[in-house]
C-alpha cells in the first residue's frame, strides 16, 4: 500500500473538514426548521461552536 504525498494528504483533510462542516450545517438547519425560530436559536450556538472546533 502506498502512502499519501503531503499535498494529497492536505487535500483529503480539507475535503473531510468541508464535508463535516456541511453535514453539521445541514443537520442544524433541519433541527431549526422543525423547532421554529425560538427553539432553534440555541441550536445555532451549537453550530458555531462545532464549526470553531473543526477549524482548530
N, C-alpha and C. Protein backbone atom coordinates (compact mmCIF):
# COMPACT_ATOMS: atom_id res chain seq x y z
N UNK A 1 0.84 -1.17 0.00
CA UNK A 1 0.00 0.00 0.00
C UNK A 1 0.89 1.24 0.00
N UNK A 2 0.46 2.26 -0.71
CA UNK A 2 1.23 3.47 -0.89
C UNK A 2 0.82 4.55 0.10
N UNK A 3 1.76 5.31 0.59
CA UNK A 3 1.47 6.44 1.48
C UNK A 3 1.09 7.66 0.64
N UNK A 4 0.28 8.54 1.22
CA UNK A 4 -0.12 9.75 0.51
C UNK A 4 0.99 10.79 0.57
N UNK A 5 1.13 11.51 -0.50
CA UNK A 5 2.08 12.62 -0.54
C UNK A 5 1.53 13.75 0.33
N UNK A 6 2.37 14.65 0.80
CA UNK A 6 1.89 15.74 1.67
C UNK A 6 0.79 16.59 1.02
N UNK A 7 0.90 16.84 -0.27
CA UNK A 7 -0.13 17.63 -0.96
C UNK A 7 -1.46 16.90 -1.00
N UNK A 8 -1.41 15.60 -1.25
CA UNK A 8 -2.64 14.81 -1.27
C UNK A 8 -3.26 14.70 0.11
N UNK A 9 -2.43 14.57 1.12
CA UNK A 9 -2.92 14.50 2.49
C UNK A 9 -3.62 15.79 2.88
N UNK A 10 -3.07 16.93 2.46
CA UNK A 10 -3.70 18.22 2.74
C UNK A 10 -5.06 18.30 2.08
N UNK A 11 -5.16 17.90 0.81
CA UNK A 11 -6.43 17.96 0.08
C UNK A 11 -7.47 17.05 0.71
N UNK A 12 -7.07 15.84 1.10
CA UNK A 12 -8.00 14.91 1.72
C UNK A 12 -8.50 15.47 3.06
N UNK A 13 -7.61 16.04 3.84
CA UNK A 13 -8.01 16.63 5.11
C UNK A 13 -8.95 17.81 4.91
N UNK A 14 -8.66 18.63 3.91
CA UNK A 14 -9.51 19.79 3.62
C UNK A 14 -10.90 19.34 3.17
N UNK A 15 -10.97 18.35 2.31
CA UNK A 15 -12.26 17.85 1.85
C UNK A 15 -13.06 17.23 3.00
N UNK A 16 -12.37 16.55 3.90
CA UNK A 16 -13.04 15.95 5.05
C UNK A 16 -13.61 17.02 5.96
N UNK A 17 -12.85 18.08 6.22
CA UNK A 17 -13.36 19.19 7.04
C UNK A 17 -14.55 19.87 6.39
N UNK A 18 -14.49 20.04 5.07
CA UNK A 18 -15.61 20.67 4.36
C UNK A 18 -16.86 19.81 4.45
N UNK A 19 -16.72 18.51 4.30
CA UNK A 19 -17.86 17.62 4.37
C UNK A 19 -18.46 17.59 5.77
N UNK A 20 -17.61 17.59 6.80
CA UNK A 20 -18.11 17.58 8.18
C UNK A 20 -18.83 18.89 8.51
N UNK A 21 -18.29 20.01 8.06
CA UNK A 21 -18.92 21.30 8.30
C UNK A 21 -20.27 21.38 7.59
N UNK A 22 -20.34 20.90 6.37
CA UNK A 22 -21.60 20.89 5.63
C UNK A 22 -22.63 20.00 6.30
N UNK A 23 -22.20 18.86 6.81
CA UNK A 23 -23.13 17.95 7.49
C UNK A 23 -23.69 18.59 8.75
N UNK A 24 -22.85 19.29 9.50
CA UNK A 24 -23.32 19.96 10.71
C UNK A 24 -24.30 21.07 10.36
N UNK A 25 -24.00 21.84 9.33
CA UNK A 25 -24.88 22.94 8.93
C UNK A 25 -26.23 22.43 8.44
N UNK A 26 -26.24 21.37 7.66
CA UNK A 26 -27.50 20.80 7.17
C UNK A 26 -28.31 20.22 8.31
N UNK A 27 -27.66 19.50 9.21
CA UNK A 27 -28.38 18.92 10.35
C UNK A 27 -28.97 20.02 11.23
N UNK A 28 -28.22 21.08 11.46
CA UNK A 28 -28.71 22.18 12.29
C UNK A 28 -29.87 22.89 11.63
N UNK A 29 -29.81 23.08 10.33
CA UNK A 29 -30.91 23.75 9.64
C UNK A 29 -32.18 22.90 9.67
N UNK A 30 -32.03 21.58 9.63
CA UNK A 30 -33.19 20.71 9.73
C UNK A 30 -33.81 20.79 11.12
N UNK A 31 -32.97 20.86 12.15
CA UNK A 31 -33.47 20.96 13.52
C UNK A 31 -34.19 22.28 13.73
N UNK A 32 -33.60 23.37 13.24
CA UNK A 32 -34.21 24.69 13.40
C UNK A 32 -35.52 24.76 12.63
N UNK A 33 -35.57 24.15 11.47
CA UNK A 33 -36.80 24.15 10.69
C UNK A 33 -37.93 23.43 11.43
N UNK A 34 -37.59 22.37 12.12
CA UNK A 34 -38.60 21.61 12.87
C UNK A 34 -39.02 22.31 14.16
N UNK A 35 -38.06 22.97 14.84
CA UNK A 35 -38.35 23.51 16.17
C UNK A 35 -38.84 24.94 16.15
N UNK A 36 -38.72 25.65 15.05
CA UNK A 36 -39.19 27.02 14.98
C UNK A 36 -38.10 28.01 15.37
N UNK A 37 -38.40 29.31 15.26
CA UNK A 37 -37.36 30.31 15.48
C UNK A 37 -36.89 30.42 16.92
N UNK A 38 -37.80 30.23 17.88
CA UNK A 38 -37.41 30.40 19.28
C UNK A 38 -36.71 29.16 19.82
N UNK A 39 -37.08 28.01 19.38
CA UNK A 39 -36.40 26.79 19.80
C UNK A 39 -35.10 26.57 19.07
N UNK A 40 -34.96 27.18 17.89
CA UNK A 40 -33.77 26.96 17.08
C UNK A 40 -32.61 27.87 17.41
N UNK A 41 -32.86 28.93 18.17
CA UNK A 41 -31.78 29.87 18.48
C UNK A 41 -30.64 29.22 19.26
N UNK A 42 -30.92 28.42 20.30
CA UNK A 42 -29.79 27.77 20.99
C UNK A 42 -29.04 26.77 20.11
N UNK A 43 -29.73 26.21 19.12
CA UNK A 43 -29.06 25.27 18.23
C UNK A 43 -28.01 25.96 17.37
N UNK A 44 -28.24 27.23 17.04
CA UNK A 44 -27.27 27.96 16.24
C UNK A 44 -25.98 28.18 17.01
N UNK A 45 -26.09 28.29 18.33
CA UNK A 45 -24.88 28.41 19.16
C UNK A 45 -24.06 27.12 19.05
N UNK A 46 -24.74 25.99 19.04
CA UNK A 46 -24.06 24.71 18.88
C UNK A 46 -23.32 24.64 17.54
N UNK A 47 -23.97 25.12 16.48
CA UNK A 47 -23.35 25.10 15.15
C UNK A 47 -22.09 25.96 15.14
N UNK A 48 -22.16 27.13 15.78
CA UNK A 48 -20.99 28.00 15.82
C UNK A 48 -19.86 27.34 16.59
N UNK A 49 -20.17 26.72 17.70
CA UNK A 49 -19.13 26.04 18.49
C UNK A 49 -18.54 24.85 17.75
N UNK A 50 -19.38 24.10 17.07
CA UNK A 50 -18.89 22.94 16.32
C UNK A 50 -18.00 23.39 15.16
N UNK A 51 -18.37 24.48 14.50
CA UNK A 51 -17.55 24.98 13.40
C UNK A 51 -16.20 25.45 13.90
N UNK A 52 -16.19 26.10 15.05
CA UNK A 52 -14.92 26.54 15.63
C UNK A 52 -14.05 25.34 16.03
N UNK A 53 -14.69 24.30 16.54
CA UNK A 53 -13.93 23.11 16.95
C UNK A 53 -13.30 22.43 15.72
N UNK A 54 -14.01 22.44 14.60
CA UNK A 54 -13.46 21.82 13.39
C UNK A 54 -12.31 22.62 12.81
N UNK A 55 -12.33 23.93 13.01
CA UNK A 55 -11.28 24.75 12.42
C UNK A 55 -9.98 24.69 13.23
N UNK A 56 -10.04 24.15 14.43
CA UNK A 56 -8.83 24.08 15.27
C UNK A 56 -7.92 22.96 14.84
